[in-house]
N, C-alpha and C. Protein backbone atom coordinates (compact mmCIF):
# COMPACT_ATOMS: atom_id res chain seq x y z
N MET A 1 30.44 -25.46 78.37
CA MET A 1 30.29 -24.22 77.66
C MET A 1 29.59 -23.23 78.59
N ALA A 2 30.15 -22.00 78.65
CA ALA A 2 29.59 -21.00 79.55
C ALA A 2 29.48 -19.66 78.84
N LYS A 3 28.60 -18.84 79.39
CA LYS A 3 28.45 -17.48 78.90
C LYS A 3 29.00 -16.54 79.96
N LEU A 4 29.56 -15.43 79.49
CA LEU A 4 30.12 -14.42 80.39
C LEU A 4 29.74 -13.04 79.89
N LYS A 5 29.12 -12.25 80.75
CA LYS A 5 28.79 -10.87 80.40
C LYS A 5 29.99 -10.00 80.74
N ILE A 6 30.44 -9.24 79.76
CA ILE A 6 31.58 -8.34 79.94
C ILE A 6 31.04 -6.91 79.85
N ASP A 7 31.32 -6.13 80.89
CA ASP A 7 30.89 -4.74 80.92
C ASP A 7 32.04 -3.90 81.44
N MET A 8 32.80 -3.33 80.51
CA MET A 8 33.95 -2.53 80.90
C MET A 8 34.37 -1.62 79.76
N LEU A 9 35.11 -0.58 80.09
CA LEU A 9 35.64 0.36 79.12
C LEU A 9 34.56 0.97 78.24
N GLY A 10 33.39 1.15 78.82
CA GLY A 10 32.31 1.80 78.11
C GLY A 10 31.53 0.93 77.13
N THR A 11 31.70 -0.37 77.22
CA THR A 11 30.95 -1.25 76.34
C THR A 11 30.52 -2.51 77.11
N ALA A 12 29.50 -3.16 76.62
CA ALA A 12 29.00 -4.36 77.27
C ALA A 12 28.58 -5.36 76.20
N PHE A 13 28.92 -6.61 76.43
CA PHE A 13 28.51 -7.69 75.51
C PHE A 13 28.67 -9.02 76.25
N THR A 14 28.14 -10.08 75.66
CA THR A 14 28.22 -11.39 76.26
C THR A 14 28.97 -12.32 75.31
N ILE A 15 29.85 -13.12 75.88
CA ILE A 15 30.55 -14.12 75.07
C ILE A 15 30.14 -15.52 75.53
N GLN A 16 30.33 -16.45 74.64
CA GLN A 16 30.08 -17.87 74.95
C GLN A 16 31.37 -18.60 74.55
N ALA A 17 31.88 -19.42 75.47
CA ALA A 17 33.14 -20.10 75.22
C ALA A 17 33.07 -21.53 75.74
N ASN A 18 33.99 -22.34 75.26
CA ASN A 18 34.07 -23.74 75.67
C ASN A 18 34.89 -23.89 76.95
N GLU A 19 34.69 -23.01 77.90
CA GLU A 19 35.35 -23.06 79.20
C GLU A 19 34.27 -22.93 80.27
N ASP A 20 34.64 -23.27 81.50
CA ASP A 20 33.64 -23.12 82.56
C ASP A 20 33.58 -21.66 83.01
N LYS A 21 32.49 -21.30 83.63
CA LYS A 21 32.23 -19.92 84.00
C LYS A 21 33.29 -19.36 84.97
N GLU A 22 33.73 -20.17 85.92
CA GLU A 22 34.72 -19.72 86.89
C GLU A 22 36.03 -19.34 86.20
N TYR A 23 36.44 -20.12 85.22
CA TYR A 23 37.65 -19.83 84.48
C TYR A 23 37.52 -18.50 83.71
N LEU A 24 36.38 -18.34 83.05
CA LEU A 24 36.16 -17.11 82.29
C LEU A 24 36.15 -15.89 83.21
N GLU A 25 35.56 -16.04 84.38
CA GLU A 25 35.53 -14.94 85.34
C GLU A 25 36.94 -14.61 85.84
N LYS A 26 37.78 -15.62 86.02
CA LYS A 26 39.16 -15.37 86.42
C LYS A 26 39.91 -14.62 85.36
N LEU A 27 39.72 -15.02 84.09
CA LEU A 27 40.37 -14.31 82.98
C LEU A 27 39.92 -12.85 82.92
N LEU A 28 38.63 -12.62 83.04
CA LEU A 28 38.10 -11.28 83.00
C LEU A 28 38.65 -10.46 84.19
N GLY A 29 38.71 -11.05 85.34
CA GLY A 29 39.28 -10.38 86.52
C GLY A 29 40.71 -9.97 86.31
N TYR A 30 41.49 -10.86 85.71
CA TYR A 30 42.91 -10.58 85.43
C TYR A 30 43.00 -9.41 84.45
N TYR A 31 42.20 -9.44 83.40
CA TYR A 31 42.22 -8.38 82.41
C TYR A 31 41.79 -7.04 83.04
N LYS A 32 40.81 -7.09 83.90
CA LYS A 32 40.38 -5.86 84.58
C LYS A 32 41.50 -5.28 85.46
N ARG A 33 42.26 -6.14 86.12
CA ARG A 33 43.38 -5.63 86.93
C ARG A 33 44.42 -4.96 86.05
N ILE A 34 44.68 -5.54 84.88
CA ILE A 34 45.65 -4.92 83.94
C ILE A 34 45.11 -3.57 83.48
N THR A 35 43.84 -3.53 83.07
CA THR A 35 43.28 -2.27 82.59
C THR A 35 43.22 -1.23 83.70
N ASP A 36 42.98 -1.65 84.93
CA ASP A 36 42.99 -0.68 86.03
C ASP A 36 44.37 -0.06 86.22
N ASP A 37 45.41 -0.86 86.07
CA ASP A 37 46.78 -0.34 86.15
C ASP A 37 47.06 0.65 85.00
N VAL A 38 46.61 0.30 83.81
CA VAL A 38 46.83 1.16 82.64
C VAL A 38 46.08 2.49 82.81
N LYS A 39 44.89 2.44 83.40
CA LYS A 39 44.10 3.66 83.60
C LYS A 39 44.81 4.67 84.46
N LYS A 40 45.74 4.24 85.27
CA LYS A 40 46.48 5.15 86.18
C LYS A 40 47.49 6.00 85.43
N ILE A 41 47.78 5.67 84.19
CA ILE A 41 48.76 6.39 83.39
C ILE A 41 48.09 7.63 82.81
N ASP A 42 48.65 8.80 83.11
CA ASP A 42 48.03 10.06 82.73
C ASP A 42 47.86 10.23 81.22
N SER A 43 48.81 9.74 80.43
CA SER A 43 48.76 9.97 78.99
C SER A 43 47.80 9.04 78.26
N ILE A 44 47.26 8.05 78.94
CA ILE A 44 46.29 7.12 78.34
C ILE A 44 44.89 7.65 78.68
N LYS A 45 44.15 8.00 77.65
CA LYS A 45 42.85 8.67 77.90
C LYS A 45 41.64 7.87 77.48
N THR A 46 41.69 7.24 76.30
CA THR A 46 40.47 6.65 75.74
C THR A 46 40.37 5.15 76.06
N PRO A 47 39.15 4.62 76.06
CA PRO A 47 38.97 3.18 76.29
C PRO A 47 39.74 2.34 75.26
N LEU A 48 39.80 2.80 74.01
CA LEU A 48 40.52 2.05 72.99
C LEU A 48 42.02 2.00 73.32
N GLN A 49 42.58 3.13 73.75
CA GLN A 49 43.98 3.14 74.14
C GLN A 49 44.24 2.20 75.32
N ILE A 50 43.34 2.22 76.29
CA ILE A 50 43.47 1.36 77.46
C ILE A 50 43.43 -0.11 77.03
N ALA A 51 42.48 -0.45 76.16
CA ALA A 51 42.34 -1.82 75.71
C ALA A 51 43.56 -2.28 74.92
N ILE A 52 44.05 -1.44 74.01
CA ILE A 52 45.20 -1.81 73.19
C ILE A 52 46.43 -1.99 74.05
N LEU A 53 46.69 -1.04 74.92
CA LEU A 53 47.89 -1.13 75.76
C LEU A 53 47.82 -2.31 76.73
N SER A 54 46.62 -2.58 77.25
CA SER A 54 46.44 -3.76 78.13
C SER A 54 46.74 -5.02 77.35
N GLY A 55 46.26 -5.11 76.12
CA GLY A 55 46.54 -6.27 75.29
C GLY A 55 48.01 -6.45 75.02
N ILE A 56 48.70 -5.33 74.74
CA ILE A 56 50.15 -5.39 74.50
C ILE A 56 50.88 -5.88 75.74
N MET A 57 50.45 -5.40 76.91
CA MET A 57 51.11 -5.81 78.15
C MET A 57 50.93 -7.30 78.39
N ILE A 58 49.73 -7.80 78.11
CA ILE A 58 49.47 -9.23 78.28
C ILE A 58 50.27 -10.05 77.27
N CYS A 59 50.37 -9.54 76.03
CA CYS A 59 51.20 -10.23 75.01
C CYS A 59 52.63 -10.27 75.45
N ASP A 60 53.13 -9.18 76.02
CA ASP A 60 54.50 -9.11 76.50
C ASP A 60 54.73 -10.16 77.58
N GLU A 61 53.78 -10.28 78.48
CA GLU A 61 53.88 -11.27 79.56
C GLU A 61 53.88 -12.69 78.97
N LEU A 62 52.99 -12.96 78.03
CA LEU A 62 52.92 -14.28 77.42
C LEU A 62 54.18 -14.61 76.65
N TYR A 63 54.68 -13.64 75.89
CA TYR A 63 55.88 -13.85 75.11
C TYR A 63 57.09 -14.18 76.02
N LYS A 64 57.21 -13.46 77.11
CA LYS A 64 58.31 -13.72 78.04
C LYS A 64 58.16 -15.10 78.68
N GLU A 65 56.96 -15.51 78.99
CA GLU A 65 56.73 -16.84 79.54
C GLU A 65 57.13 -17.93 78.54
N LYS A 66 56.76 -17.70 77.29
CA LYS A 66 57.12 -18.67 76.24
C LYS A 66 58.64 -18.74 76.07
N GLN A 67 59.31 -17.58 76.09
CA GLN A 67 60.76 -17.56 75.98
C GLN A 67 61.39 -18.31 77.15
N ALA A 68 60.87 -18.10 78.34
CA ALA A 68 61.41 -18.78 79.51
C ALA A 68 61.21 -20.29 79.41
N LYS A 69 60.05 -20.71 78.90
CA LYS A 69 59.79 -22.13 78.74
C LYS A 69 60.79 -22.76 77.76
N VAL A 70 61.01 -22.11 76.64
CA VAL A 70 61.97 -22.62 75.65
C VAL A 70 63.37 -22.68 76.25
N ALA A 71 63.73 -21.63 76.98
CA ALA A 71 65.05 -21.61 77.61
C ALA A 71 65.19 -22.74 78.61
N MET A 72 64.17 -22.99 79.41
CA MET A 72 64.23 -24.07 80.37
C MET A 72 64.33 -25.43 79.68
N GLU A 73 63.56 -25.59 78.60
CA GLU A 73 63.63 -26.84 77.84
C GLU A 73 65.02 -27.07 77.24
N ASN A 74 65.73 -25.99 76.97
CA ASN A 74 67.06 -26.08 76.44
C ASN A 74 68.13 -26.13 77.54
N GLY A 75 67.68 -26.21 78.79
CA GLY A 75 68.61 -26.32 79.91
C GLY A 75 69.25 -25.03 80.31
N GLU A 76 68.72 -23.92 79.87
CA GLU A 76 69.29 -22.62 80.22
C GLU A 76 68.70 -22.15 81.54
N TYR A 77 69.45 -21.31 82.24
CA TYR A 77 68.99 -20.72 83.49
C TYR A 77 67.99 -19.63 83.18
N VAL A 78 66.87 -19.64 83.88
CA VAL A 78 65.85 -18.61 83.69
C VAL A 78 65.57 -17.98 85.05
N PRO A 79 65.95 -16.72 85.24
CA PRO A 79 65.63 -16.07 86.53
C PRO A 79 64.15 -15.84 86.67
N VAL A 80 63.66 -15.98 87.88
CA VAL A 80 62.25 -15.76 88.15
C VAL A 80 62.03 -14.27 88.35
N GLU A 81 61.10 -13.74 87.58
CA GLU A 81 60.79 -12.31 87.66
C GLU A 81 59.64 -12.10 88.63
N ASN A 82 59.82 -11.17 89.59
CA ASN A 82 58.75 -10.86 90.52
C ASN A 82 57.63 -10.11 89.79
N ASP A 83 56.46 -10.10 90.38
CA ASP A 83 55.36 -9.33 89.80
C ASP A 83 55.80 -7.88 89.70
N MET A 84 55.42 -7.25 88.58
CA MET A 84 55.77 -5.87 88.38
C MET A 84 54.96 -4.97 89.31
N ASP A 85 55.64 -3.99 89.91
CA ASP A 85 54.89 -3.03 90.70
C ASP A 85 54.37 -1.93 89.76
N THR A 86 53.56 -1.06 90.30
CA THR A 86 52.91 -0.04 89.50
C THR A 86 53.91 0.85 88.79
N MET A 87 54.99 1.23 89.45
CA MET A 87 55.98 2.09 88.81
C MET A 87 56.62 1.42 87.60
N GLU A 88 56.90 0.14 87.72
CA GLU A 88 57.50 -0.60 86.61
C GLU A 88 56.52 -0.70 85.47
N ILE A 89 55.26 -0.94 85.77
CA ILE A 89 54.22 -1.00 84.74
C ILE A 89 54.14 0.36 84.03
N GLU A 90 54.14 1.43 84.81
CA GLU A 90 54.07 2.75 84.19
C GLU A 90 55.28 3.02 83.31
N ARG A 91 56.47 2.64 83.74
CA ARG A 91 57.69 2.86 82.97
C ARG A 91 57.60 2.12 81.63
N ARG A 92 57.25 0.83 81.71
CA ARG A 92 57.16 0.02 80.51
C ARG A 92 56.07 0.55 79.58
N THR A 93 54.98 0.94 80.16
CA THR A 93 53.86 1.45 79.37
C THR A 93 54.27 2.74 78.66
N GLN A 94 54.95 3.62 79.36
CA GLN A 94 55.40 4.87 78.76
C GLN A 94 56.36 4.58 77.60
N GLU A 95 57.24 3.63 77.75
CA GLU A 95 58.12 3.24 76.66
C GLU A 95 57.33 2.75 75.44
N MET A 96 56.31 1.94 75.69
CA MET A 96 55.48 1.45 74.59
C MET A 96 54.73 2.58 73.91
N ILE A 97 54.24 3.53 74.73
CA ILE A 97 53.49 4.66 74.15
C ILE A 97 54.40 5.47 73.24
N GLU A 98 55.63 5.70 73.69
CA GLU A 98 56.56 6.46 72.89
C GLU A 98 56.87 5.75 71.57
N LYS A 99 57.06 4.44 71.62
CA LYS A 99 57.30 3.69 70.40
C LYS A 99 56.11 3.74 69.45
N ILE A 100 54.91 3.57 70.01
CA ILE A 100 53.70 3.63 69.19
C ILE A 100 53.55 5.01 68.56
N SER A 101 53.80 6.05 69.36
CA SER A 101 53.68 7.45 68.87
C SER A 101 54.63 7.70 67.72
N LYS A 102 55.84 7.16 67.77
CA LYS A 102 56.79 7.35 66.69
C LYS A 102 56.29 6.71 65.37
N VAL A 103 55.65 5.57 65.50
CA VAL A 103 55.15 4.87 64.33
C VAL A 103 53.96 5.61 63.75
N LEU A 104 53.12 6.16 64.57
CA LEU A 104 51.94 6.88 64.10
C LEU A 104 52.36 8.24 63.66
């Protein structure tokens, strides 16, 4: 069990989890990289927007990985997707923003 201090997007708090500290730091580092990419998008302004969109992007990544796993288990071909570059992230993010804006 480890504690991890999180200080980002204008807030700070400490969590305790049943994982080792190195693993928690890797997760936080990954999340920070995602949020740094989202911050580059001009239309995203507030920490809440950054956090929500970062979460959606990570959910998208997880969902695609799960779909690929199921496809592989079913013997289907699954193409390997390269890491998204910044322009692709911006394009996908803008699409998500537009969809969210229509709902709101």
